[in-house]
Amino acid sequence: MKKIFLMGRSEAGKTSLTQALKGEKLHYEKTQYTNTADNTIDSPGEYAESKHFSVGLACFSFEADVVAMVQAADEPFSLFGPGGKNFILRPMIGVITKIHSPHANIPMVRQWLENVGCERIFLVDNATREGIDELLEYLKDDLEPLTLEQAKFKQSIGLNEWDPLPEGVEYPENIR
């Protein structure tokens, strides 16, 4: 299973999402520090809300296979500006939580996540577990393990480490 790193503002639903992904009963738990248990990295919202701590988000992203920008459907603004993908060297997805809130504006939040550079966006309701199975399906396949030499080769031809090799391109004999 891919290791996912959740980032977003306080009360966006990151910890509840972590509990839902594990199949746990939801219970309020304020995240005081970055939790890295199991296949989820859950960060305090204050890291995304403060320029003093936001550098930590980039550092934690290196520990994950995929980075998830988590935003509640009823948020009135986005913390993440266009082109936010520039500092993250991992596949980046968006997760919209609280989709059944009476104040939800899913099209607006989806646009914000697309502007940041999310490759795929999931709609979830942590309480009802709606959308959780689809997210788990996405996370279930492990990424192909690469050697350092294979990663360097992919970079040399303009690919990210998670991108598949183009049709007809193979690793050189000495790094297979």
N, C-alpha and C. Protein backbone atom coordinates (compact mmCIF):
# COMPACT_ATOMS: atom_id res chain seq x y z
N MET A 1 0.84 -1.18 0.00
CA MET A 1 0.00 0.00 0.00
C MET A 1 0.89 1.25 0.00
N LYS A 2 0.51 2.23 -0.81
CA LYS A 2 1.26 3.47 -0.87
C LYS A 2 1.14 4.20 0.46
N LYS A 3 2.20 4.86 0.85
CA LYS A 3 2.17 5.70 2.04
C LYS A 3 1.70 7.08 1.61
N ILE A 4 0.65 7.59 2.28
CA ILE A 4 0.04 8.86 1.91
C ILE A 4 0.35 9.91 2.97
N PHE A 5 0.67 11.11 2.51
CA PHE A 5 0.93 12.25 3.39
C PHE A 5 -0.23 13.22 3.24
N LEU A 6 -0.91 13.53 4.34
CA LEU A 6 -2.06 14.42 4.32
C LEU A 6 -1.66 15.81 4.80
N MET A 7 -1.94 16.81 3.98
CA MET A 7 -1.69 18.19 4.41
C MET A 7 -2.92 19.03 4.12
N GLY A 8 -3.17 19.98 4.99
CA GLY A 8 -4.32 20.86 4.86
C GLY A 8 -4.48 21.67 6.13
N ARG A 9 -5.41 22.59 6.13
CA ARG A 9 -5.58 23.46 7.29
C ARG A 9 -6.24 22.71 8.46
N SER A 10 -6.21 23.31 9.62
CA SER A 10 -6.86 22.73 10.80
C SER A 10 -8.35 22.53 10.51
N GLU A 11 -8.87 21.42 10.96
CA GLU A 11 -10.29 21.05 10.83
C GLU A 11 -10.71 20.74 9.39
N ALA A 12 -9.76 20.45 8.52
CA ALA A 12 -10.11 20.05 7.15
C ALA A 12 -10.57 18.60 7.10
N GLY A 13 -10.23 17.81 8.13
CA GLY A 13 -10.66 16.42 8.17
C GLY A 13 -9.54 15.42 7.96
N LYS A 14 -8.29 15.84 8.15
CA LYS A 14 -7.15 14.95 7.92
C LYS A 14 -7.12 13.78 8.91
N THR A 15 -7.27 14.06 10.19
CA THR A 15 -7.22 12.99 11.19
C THR A 15 -8.43 12.07 11.06
N SER A 16 -9.60 12.64 10.79
CA SER A 16 -10.79 11.81 10.56
C SER A 16 -10.60 10.93 9.33
N LEU A 17 -9.96 11.48 8.30
CA LEU A 17 -9.67 10.70 7.10
C LEU A 17 -8.74 9.55 7.43
N THR A 18 -7.73 9.82 8.25
CA THR A 18 -6.81 8.76 8.68
C THR A 18 -7.58 7.65 9.39
N GLN A 19 -8.49 8.03 10.28
CA GLN A 19 -9.30 7.04 11.01
C GLN A 19 -10.20 6.26 10.04
N ALA A 20 -10.80 6.96 9.08
CA ALA A 20 -11.69 6.29 8.11
C ALA A 20 -10.89 5.32 7.23
N LEU A 21 -9.69 5.70 6.82
CA LEU A 21 -8.86 4.81 6.00
C LEU A 21 -8.48 3.54 6.75
N LYS A 22 -8.35 3.64 8.06
CA LYS A 22 -8.01 2.48 8.89
C LYS A 22 -9.25 1.69 9.30
N GLY A 23 -10.44 2.19 8.97
CA GLY A 23 -11.68 1.51 9.34
C GLY A 23 -12.04 1.72 10.80
N GLU A 24 -11.45 2.71 11.43
CA GLU A 24 -11.73 2.99 12.85
C GLU A 24 -13.01 3.81 13.00
N LYS A 25 -13.58 3.74 14.19
CA LYS A 25 -14.71 4.61 14.53
C LYS A 25 -14.15 6.02 14.67
N LEU A 26 -14.86 7.01 14.10
CA LEU A 26 -14.37 8.37 14.16
C LEU A 26 -14.49 8.93 15.56
N HIS A 27 -13.43 9.56 16.01
CA HIS A 27 -13.43 10.24 17.30
C HIS A 27 -12.51 11.46 17.18
N TYR A 28 -12.90 12.54 17.85
CA TYR A 28 -12.11 13.77 17.73
C TYR A 28 -10.78 13.59 18.42
N GLU A 29 -9.75 13.98 17.71
CA GLU A 29 -8.40 13.90 18.25
C GLU A 29 -7.59 15.01 17.59
N LYS A 30 -7.23 16.03 18.37
CA LYS A 30 -6.45 17.14 17.82
C LYS A 30 -5.04 16.65 17.55
N THR A 31 -4.58 16.85 16.32
CA THR A 31 -3.23 16.44 15.94
C THR A 31 -2.24 17.48 16.47
N GLN A 32 -1.41 17.06 17.41
CA GLN A 32 -0.44 17.97 18.03
C GLN A 32 0.94 17.89 17.39
N TYR A 33 1.21 16.80 16.71
CA TYR A 33 2.50 16.58 16.08
C TYR A 33 2.27 15.71 14.85
N THR A 34 3.25 15.58 14.01
CA THR A 34 3.10 14.78 12.80
C THR A 34 3.13 13.30 13.16
N ASN A 35 2.05 12.61 12.84
CA ASN A 35 1.94 11.18 13.10
C ASN A 35 2.31 10.43 11.83
N THR A 36 3.20 9.46 11.98
CA THR A 36 3.66 8.71 10.80
C THR A 36 3.36 7.22 10.92
N ALA A 37 2.38 6.87 11.74
CA ALA A 37 2.06 5.46 11.93
C ALA A 37 1.44 4.86 10.67
N ASP A 38 1.68 3.58 10.51
CA ASP A 38 1.10 2.81 9.40
C ASP A 38 1.47 3.44 8.05
N ASN A 39 0.48 3.54 7.17
CA ASN A 39 0.72 4.04 5.81
C ASN A 39 0.24 5.47 5.62
N THR A 40 0.05 6.19 6.74
CA THR A 40 -0.46 7.55 6.67
C THR A 40 0.42 8.49 7.47
N ILE A 41 0.72 9.64 6.89
CA ILE A 41 1.41 10.71 7.62
C ILE A 41 0.38 11.82 7.79
N ASP A 42 0.01 12.08 9.04
CA ASP A 42 -1.00 13.08 9.37
C ASP A 42 -0.29 14.26 10.03
N SER A 43 -0.42 15.44 9.44
CA SER A 43 0.29 16.62 9.95
C SER A 43 -0.70 17.59 10.60
N PRO A 44 -0.24 18.34 11.59
CA PRO A 44 -1.10 19.38 12.18
C PRO A 44 -1.42 20.45 11.14
N GLY A 45 -2.64 20.95 11.16
CA GLY A 45 -3.03 21.99 10.22
C GLY A 45 -2.19 23.24 10.34
N GLU A 46 -1.65 23.49 11.54
CA GLU A 46 -0.84 24.68 11.75
C GLU A 46 0.40 24.70 10.84
N TYR A 47 0.87 23.52 10.42
CA TYR A 47 2.02 23.46 9.52
C TYR A 47 1.68 24.12 8.18
N ALA A 48 0.46 23.93 7.71
CA ALA A 48 0.05 24.52 6.44
C ALA A 48 -0.37 25.98 6.61
N GLU A 49 -0.72 26.35 7.83
CA GLU A 49 -1.24 27.69 8.08
C GLU A 49 -0.16 28.71 8.42
N SER A 50 1.06 28.27 8.65
CA SER A 50 2.13 29.17 9.06
C SER A 50 3.34 29.02 8.16
N LYS A 51 3.87 30.13 7.67
CA LYS A 51 5.05 30.06 6.82
C LYS A 51 6.26 29.56 7.59
N HIS A 52 6.25 29.67 8.91
CA HIS A 52 7.37 29.21 9.73
C HIS A 52 7.44 27.68 9.78
N PHE A 53 6.29 27.02 9.68
CA PHE A 53 6.26 25.57 9.77
C PHE A 53 6.09 24.89 8.43
N SER A 54 5.69 25.64 7.40
CA SER A 54 5.34 25.02 6.12
C SER A 54 6.51 24.30 5.46
N VAL A 55 7.73 24.68 5.77
CA VAL A 55 8.89 23.98 5.21
C VAL A 55 8.87 22.51 5.65
N GLY A 56 8.36 22.26 6.85
CA GLY A 56 8.25 20.88 7.34
C GLY A 56 7.39 20.02 6.44
N LEU A 57 6.38 20.62 5.81
CA LEU A 57 5.51 19.85 4.91
C LEU A 57 6.31 19.29 3.74
N ALA A 58 7.17 20.11 3.17
CA ALA A 58 8.00 19.64 2.05
C ALA A 58 8.90 18.50 2.51
N CYS A 59 9.45 18.63 3.71
CA CYS A 59 10.33 17.57 4.23
C CYS A 59 9.58 16.26 4.43
N PHE A 60 8.38 16.33 5.02
CA PHE A 60 7.61 15.11 5.24
C PHE A 60 7.16 14.48 3.92
N SER A 61 7.00 15.28 2.89
CA SER A 61 6.55 14.73 1.61
C SER A 61 7.54 13.71 1.06
N PHE A 62 8.81 13.84 1.42
CA PHE A 62 9.81 12.89 0.93
C PHE A 62 9.66 11.51 1.57
N GLU A 63 8.91 11.42 2.66
CA GLU A 63 8.70 10.14 3.33
C GLU A 63 7.49 9.39 2.77
N ALA A 64 6.77 10.01 1.86
CA ALA A 64 5.52 9.44 1.35
C ALA A 64 5.65 9.03 -0.11
N ASP A 65 4.73 8.15 -0.53
CA ASP A 65 4.64 7.76 -1.93
C ASP A 65 3.71 8.70 -2.69
N VAL A 66 2.74 9.30 -1.97
CA VAL A 66 1.77 10.19 -2.59
C VAL A 66 1.41 11.27 -1.56
N VAL A 67 1.21 12.49 -2.04
CA VAL A 67 0.85 13.61 -1.18
C VAL A 67 -0.60 13.98 -1.47
N ALA A 68 -1.40 14.13 -0.40
CA ALA A 68 -2.80 14.50 -0.55
C ALA A 68 -3.05 15.87 0.05
N MET A 69 -3.53 16.78 -0.78
CA MET A 69 -3.99 18.08 -0.30
C MET A 69 -5.42 17.88 0.15
N VAL A 70 -5.69 18.08 1.43
CA VAL A 70 -7.02 17.84 1.98
C VAL A 70 -7.70 19.18 2.22
N GLN A 71 -8.88 19.34 1.64
CA GLN A 71 -9.68 20.55 1.84
C GLN A 71 -11.12 20.15 2.08
N ALA A 72 -11.74 20.77 3.07
CA ALA A 72 -13.16 20.54 3.34
C ALA A 72 -13.97 21.25 2.26
N ALA A 73 -15.09 20.66 1.90
CA ALA A 73 -15.95 21.21 0.85
C ALA A 73 -16.57 22.54 1.25
N ASP A 74 -16.58 22.83 2.56
CA ASP A 74 -17.19 24.07 3.03
C ASP A 74 -16.17 25.15 3.42
N GLU A 75 -14.91 24.98 3.00
CA GLU A 75 -13.89 25.97 3.32
C GLU A 75 -14.11 27.24 2.49
N PRO A 76 -13.97 28.42 3.12
CA PRO A 76 -14.21 29.66 2.39
C PRO A 76 -12.99 30.15 1.60
N PHE A 77 -11.82 29.52 1.78
CA PHE A 77 -10.62 29.94 1.08
C PHE A 77 -9.67 28.75 0.99
N SER A 78 -8.64 28.89 0.17
CA SER A 78 -7.64 27.85 0.04
C SER A 78 -6.30 28.37 0.53
N LEU A 79 -5.59 27.52 1.27
CA LEU A 79 -4.25 27.88 1.73
C LEU A 79 -3.21 27.69 0.63
N PHE A 80 -3.54 26.88 -0.35
CA PHE A 80 -2.57 26.48 -1.36
C PHE A 80 -2.80 27.24 -2.66
N GLY A 81 -1.78 27.96 -3.09
CA GLY A 81 -1.90 28.76 -4.30
C GLY A 81 -1.64 27.95 -5.55
N PRO A 82 -1.94 28.52 -6.69
CA PRO A 82 -1.67 27.85 -7.96
C PRO A 82 -0.19 27.49 -8.09
N GLY A 83 0.07 26.34 -8.65
CA GLY A 83 1.44 25.91 -8.85
C GLY A 83 2.10 25.36 -7.60
N GLY A 84 1.31 24.99 -6.61
CA GLY A 84 1.86 24.46 -5.36
C GLY A 84 2.61 23.16 -5.54
N LYS A 85 2.40 22.51 -6.65
CA LYS A 85 3.07 21.25 -6.92
C LYS A 85 4.57 21.43 -7.13
N ASN A 86 5.00 22.64 -7.35
CA ASN A 86 6.40 22.90 -7.67
C ASN A 86 7.37 22.44 -6.58
N PHE A 87 6.95 22.45 -5.33
CA PHE A 87 7.87 22.06 -4.26
C PHE A 87 7.67 20.62 -3.80
N ILE A 88 6.77 19.89 -4.43
CA ILE A 88 6.49 18.52 -4.03
C ILE A 88 6.92 17.58 -5.14
N LEU A 89 7.82 16.68 -4.83
CA LEU A 89 8.35 15.75 -5.82
C LEU A 89 7.72 14.37 -5.67
N ARG A 90 6.44 14.34 -5.51
CA ARG A 90 5.67 13.11 -5.39
C ARG A 90 4.36 13.29 -6.16
N PRO A 91 3.70 12.19 -6.52
CA PRO A 91 2.36 12.35 -7.10
C PRO A 91 1.48 13.09 -6.09
N MET A 92 0.68 14.02 -6.56
CA MET A 92 -0.16 14.82 -5.67
C MET A 92 -1.62 14.67 -6.05
N ILE A 93 -2.42 14.32 -5.05
CA ILE A 93 -3.86 14.17 -5.25
C ILE A 93 -4.59 15.16 -4.35
N GLY A 94 -5.84 15.38 -4.64
CA GLY A 94 -6.69 16.21 -3.80
C GLY A 94 -7.75 15.34 -3.14
N VAL A 95 -8.08 15.66 -1.90
CA VAL A 95 -9.16 14.97 -1.19
C VAL A 95 -10.09 16.05 -0.65
N ILE A 96 -11.33 16.02 -1.12
CA ILE A 96 -12.34 16.96 -0.64
C ILE A 96 -13.18 16.23 0.41
N THR A 97 -13.13 16.72 1.64
CA THR A 97 -13.88 16.13 2.75
C THR A 97 -15.15 16.94 3.00
N LYS A 98 -15.98 16.44 3.90
CA LYS A 98 -17.22 17.13 4.32
C LYS A 98 -18.11 17.46 3.13
N ILE A 99 -18.23 16.50 2.21
CA ILE A 99 -18.96 16.75 0.96
C ILE A 99 -20.47 16.92 1.17
N HIS A 100 -20.97 16.52 2.34
CA HIS A 100 -22.41 16.67 2.60
C HIS A 100 -22.73 17.85 3.50
N SER A 101 -21.76 18.71 3.73
CA SER A 101 -21.99 19.91 4.54
C SER A 101 -23.02 20.79 3.83
N PRO A 102 -23.93 21.41 4.59
CA PRO A 102 -24.91 22.29 3.94
C PRO A 102 -24.25 23.51 3.28
N HIS A 103 -23.01 23.80 3.63
CA HIS A 103 -22.30 24.94 3.05
C HIS A 103 -21.25 24.50 2.02
N ALA A 104 -21.33 23.26 1.58
CA ALA A 104 -20.34 22.72 0.64
C ALA A 104 -20.41 23.44 -0.70
N ASN A 105 -19.23 23.70 -1.25
CA ASN A 105 -19.11 24.25 -2.60
C ASN A 105 -18.04 23.42 -3.31
N ILE A 106 -18.42 22.22 -3.68
CA ILE A 106 -17.48 21.26 -4.26
C ILE A 106 -16.83 21.78 -5.55
N PRO A 107 -17.58 22.39 -6.48
CA PRO A 107 -16.92 22.88 -7.70
C PRO A 107 -15.79 23.89 -7.41
N MET A 108 -16.01 24.78 -6.43
CA MET A 108 -14.99 25.77 -6.11
C MET A 108 -13.75 25.09 -5.51
N VAL A 109 -13.96 24.18 -4.57
CA VAL A 109 -12.83 23.50 -3.92
C VAL A 109 -12.10 22.62 -4.94
N ARG A 110 -12.84 21.97 -5.82
CA ARG A 110 -12.22 21.16 -6.88
C ARG A 110 -11.32 22.05 -7.75
N GLN A 111 -11.79 23.24 -8.10
CA GLN A 111 -11.00 24.16 -8.92
C GLN A 111 -9.72 24.57 -8.19
N TRP A 112 -9.82 24.84 -6.91
CA TRP A 112 -8.62 25.19 -6.13
C TRP A 112 -7.60 24.07 -6.19
N LEU A 113 -8.06 22.82 -6.01
CA LEU A 113 -7.14 21.68 -6.01
C LEU A 113 -6.55 21.44 -7.40
N GLU A 114 -7.34 21.65 -8.43
CA GLU A 114 -6.82 21.54 -9.80
C GLU A 114 -5.75 22.61 -10.04
N ASN A 115 -6.00 23.83 -9.54
CA ASN A 115 -5.04 24.93 -9.72
C ASN A 115 -3.71 24.64 -9.02
N VAL A 116 -3.76 23.94 -7.89
CA VAL A 116 -2.54 23.60 -7.17
C VAL A 116 -1.73 22.58 -7.98
N GLY A 117 -2.43 21.73 -8.73
CA GLY A 117 -1.73 20.73 -9.55
C GLY A 117 -2.07 19.30 -9.18
N CYS A 118 -3.17 19.09 -8.46
CA CYS A 118 -3.56 17.72 -8.10
C CYS A 118 -3.88 16.92 -9.35
N GLU A 119 -3.31 15.72 -9.42
CA GLU A 119 -3.48 14.86 -10.59
C GLU A 119 -4.84 14.17 -10.59
N ARG A 120 -5.37 13.95 -9.40
CA ARG A 120 -6.66 13.26 -9.26
C ARG A 120 -7.32 13.80 -8.00
N ILE A 121 -8.65 13.89 -7.99
CA ILE A 121 -9.37 14.43 -6.84
C ILE A 121 -10.42 13.43 -6.39
N PHE A 122 -10.44 13.18 -5.08
CA PHE A 122 -11.38 12.25 -4.47
C PHE A 122 -12.36 13.02 -3.60
N LEU A 123 -13.63 12.67 -3.68
CA LEU A 123 -14.67 13.24 -2.82
C LEU A 123 -14.97 12.23 -1.73
N VAL A 124 -14.84 12.64 -0.47
CA VAL A 124 -15.07 11.69 0.62
C VAL A 124 -15.93 12.30 1.72
N ASP A 125 -16.61 11.44 2.41
CA ASP A 125 -17.31 11.77 3.65
C ASP A 125 -16.79 10.79 4.69
N ASN A 126 -15.98 11.28 5.60
CA ASN A 126 -15.35 10.40 6.58
C ASN A 126 -16.36 9.70 7.48
N ALA A 127 -17.47 10.37 7.79
CA ALA A 127 -18.47 9.79 8.70
C ALA A 127 -19.23 8.64 8.04
N THR A 128 -19.64 8.81 6.78
CA THR A 128 -20.41 7.77 6.10
C THR A 128 -19.52 6.81 5.32
N ARG A 129 -18.25 7.14 5.20
CA ARG A 129 -17.25 6.38 4.46
C ARG A 129 -17.46 6.47 2.94
N GLU A 130 -18.30 7.38 2.49
CA GLU A 130 -18.49 7.57 1.06
C GLU A 130 -17.17 8.03 0.44
N GLY A 131 -16.73 7.36 -0.62
CA GLY A 131 -15.51 7.71 -1.32
C GLY A 131 -14.24 7.10 -0.74
N ILE A 132 -14.33 6.52 0.45
CA ILE A 132 -13.14 5.95 1.11
C ILE A 132 -12.63 4.73 0.33
N ASP A 133 -13.54 3.87 -0.12
CA ASP A 133 -13.11 2.68 -0.86
C ASP A 133 -12.38 3.05 -2.15
N GLU A 134 -12.84 4.08 -2.83
CA GLU A 134 -12.18 4.53 -4.07
C GLU A 134 -10.77 5.02 -3.76
N LEU A 135 -10.61 5.76 -2.67
CA LEU A 135 -9.28 6.24 -2.28
C LEU A 135 -8.39 5.07 -1.88
N LEU A 136 -8.93 4.11 -1.13
CA LEU A 136 -8.15 2.94 -0.75
C LEU A 136 -7.72 2.13 -1.97
N GLU A 137 -8.59 2.03 -2.96
CA GLU A 137 -8.25 1.32 -4.21
C GLU A 137 -7.06 1.99 -4.89
N TYR A 138 -7.08 3.32 -4.92
CA TYR A 138 -5.96 4.07 -5.51
C TYR A 138 -4.67 3.82 -4.73
N LEU A 139 -4.76 3.73 -3.41
CA LEU A 139 -3.57 3.57 -2.57
C LEU A 139 -3.06 2.14 -2.50
N LYS A 140 -3.88 1.17 -2.86
CA LYS A 140 -3.53 -0.23 -2.60
C LYS A 140 -2.33 -0.73 -3.39
N ASP A 141 -2.16 -0.27 -4.60
CA ASP A 141 -1.05 -0.74 -5.43
C ASP A 141 0.24 -0.05 -5.03
N ASP A 142 1.23 -0.83 -4.67
CA ASP A 142 2.53 -0.28 -4.36
C ASP A 142 3.19 0.24 -5.63
N LEU A 143 4.01 1.24 -5.46
CA LEU A 143 4.79 1.73 -6.59
C LEU A 143 5.90 0.75 -6.90
N GLU A 144 6.30 0.71 -8.15
CA GLU A 144 7.39 -0.17 -8.57
C GLU A 144 8.67 0.24 -7.85
N PRO A 145 9.33 -0.71 -7.16
CA PRO A 145 10.58 -0.34 -6.50
C PRO A 145 11.65 -0.01 -7.54
N LEU A 146 12.40 1.04 -7.27
CA LEU A 146 13.45 1.48 -8.19
C LEU A 146 14.79 1.52 -7.47
N THR A 147 15.82 1.24 -8.20
CA THR A 147 17.16 1.47 -7.68
C THR A 147 17.49 2.95 -7.91
N LEU A 148 18.51 3.43 -7.26
CA LEU A 148 18.93 4.81 -7.47
C LEU A 148 19.31 5.05 -8.92
N GLU A 149 19.97 4.07 -9.52
CA GLU A 149 20.37 4.21 -10.92
C GLU A 149 19.17 4.29 -11.85
N GLN A 150 18.12 3.51 -11.56
CA GLN A 150 16.91 3.57 -12.38
C GLN A 150 16.23 4.93 -12.23
N ALA A 151 16.17 5.46 -11.02
CA ALA A 151 15.57 6.77 -10.80
C ALA A 151 16.37 7.85 -11.54
N LYS A 152 17.68 7.77 -11.48
CA LYS A 152 18.52 8.74 -12.20
C LYS A 152 18.29 8.65 -13.71
N PHE A 153 18.14 7.43 -14.22
CA PHE A 153 17.89 7.26 -15.65
C PHE A 153 16.57 7.93 -16.03
N LYS A 154 15.51 7.69 -15.22
CA LYS A 154 14.23 8.32 -15.52
C LYS A 154 14.34 9.84 -15.51
N GLN A 155 15.07 10.37 -14.52
CA GLN A 155 15.26 11.82 -14.46
C GLN A 155 16.02 12.32 -15.69
N SER A 156 16.98 11.54 -16.16
CA SER A 156 17.79 11.98 -17.30
C SER A 156 16.97 12.09 -18.58
N ILE A 157 15.84 11.39 -18.65
CA ILE A 157 14.98 11.49 -19.84
C ILE A 157 13.73 12.34 -19.56
N GLY A 158 13.79 13.08 -18.43
CA GLY A 158 12.71 14.04 -18.14
C GLY A 158 11.50 13.48 -17.44
N LEU A 159 11.62 12.31 -16.82
CA LEU A 159 10.49 11.70 -16.12
C LEU A 159 10.65 11.83 -14.61
N ASN A 160 9.53 11.77 -13.89
CA ASN A 160 9.57 11.63 -12.45
C ASN A 160 9.73 10.15 -12.15
N GLU A 161 10.15 9.83 -10.95
CA GLU A 161 10.41 8.43 -10.60
C GLU A 161 9.17 7.55 -10.71
N TRP A 162 7.98 8.12 -10.52
CA TRP A 162 6.75 7.32 -10.56
C TRP A 162 6.16 7.21 -11.97
N ASP A 163 6.69 7.97 -12.92
CA ASP A 163 6.19 7.90 -14.29
C ASP A 163 6.66 6.61 -14.95
N PRO A 164 5.79 5.95 -15.72
CA PRO A 164 6.24 4.75 -16.45
C PRO A 164 7.18 5.14 -17.59
N LEU A 165 8.03 4.21 -17.95
CA LEU A 165 8.89 4.44 -19.10
C LEU A 165 8.04 4.49 -20.36
N PRO A 166 8.35 5.38 -21.28
CA PRO A 166 7.58 5.43 -22.53
C PRO A 166 7.70 4.12 -23.31
N GLU A 167 6.72 3.86 -24.15
CA GLU A 167 6.74 2.65 -24.95
C GLU A 167 8.00 2.62 -25.81
N GLY A 168 8.69 1.49 -25.78
CA GLY A 168 9.90 1.32 -26.56
C GLY A 168 11.18 1.72 -25.84
N VAL A 169 11.05 2.34 -24.66
CA VAL A 169 12.23 2.75 -23.89
C VAL A 169 12.45 1.75 -22.77
N GLU A 170 13.66 1.29 -22.60
CA GLU A 170 13.99 0.34 -21.55
C GLU A 170 15.19 0.86 -20.77
N TYR A 171 15.34 0.35 -19.56
CA TYR A 171 16.52 0.71 -18.78
C TYR A 171 17.75 0.13 -19.48
N PRO A 172 18.87 0.83 -19.39
CA PRO A 172 20.11 0.25 -19.92
C PRO A 172 20.41 -1.09 -19.25
N GLU A 173 21.08 -1.95 -19.95
CA GLU A 173 21.38 -3.31 -19.49
C GLU A 173 22.01 -3.33 -18.09
N ASN A 174 22.90 -2.40 -17.82
CA ASN A 174 23.63 -2.42 -16.54
C ASN A 174 22.81 -1.99 -15.33
N ILE A 175 21.57 -1.50 -15.50
CA ILE A 175 20.76 -1.09 -14.34
C ILE A 175 19.40 -1.81 -14.25
N ARG A 176 19.22 -2.85 -15.01
CA ARG A 176 17.94 -3.57 -14.99
C ARG A 176 17.77 -4.30 -13.72
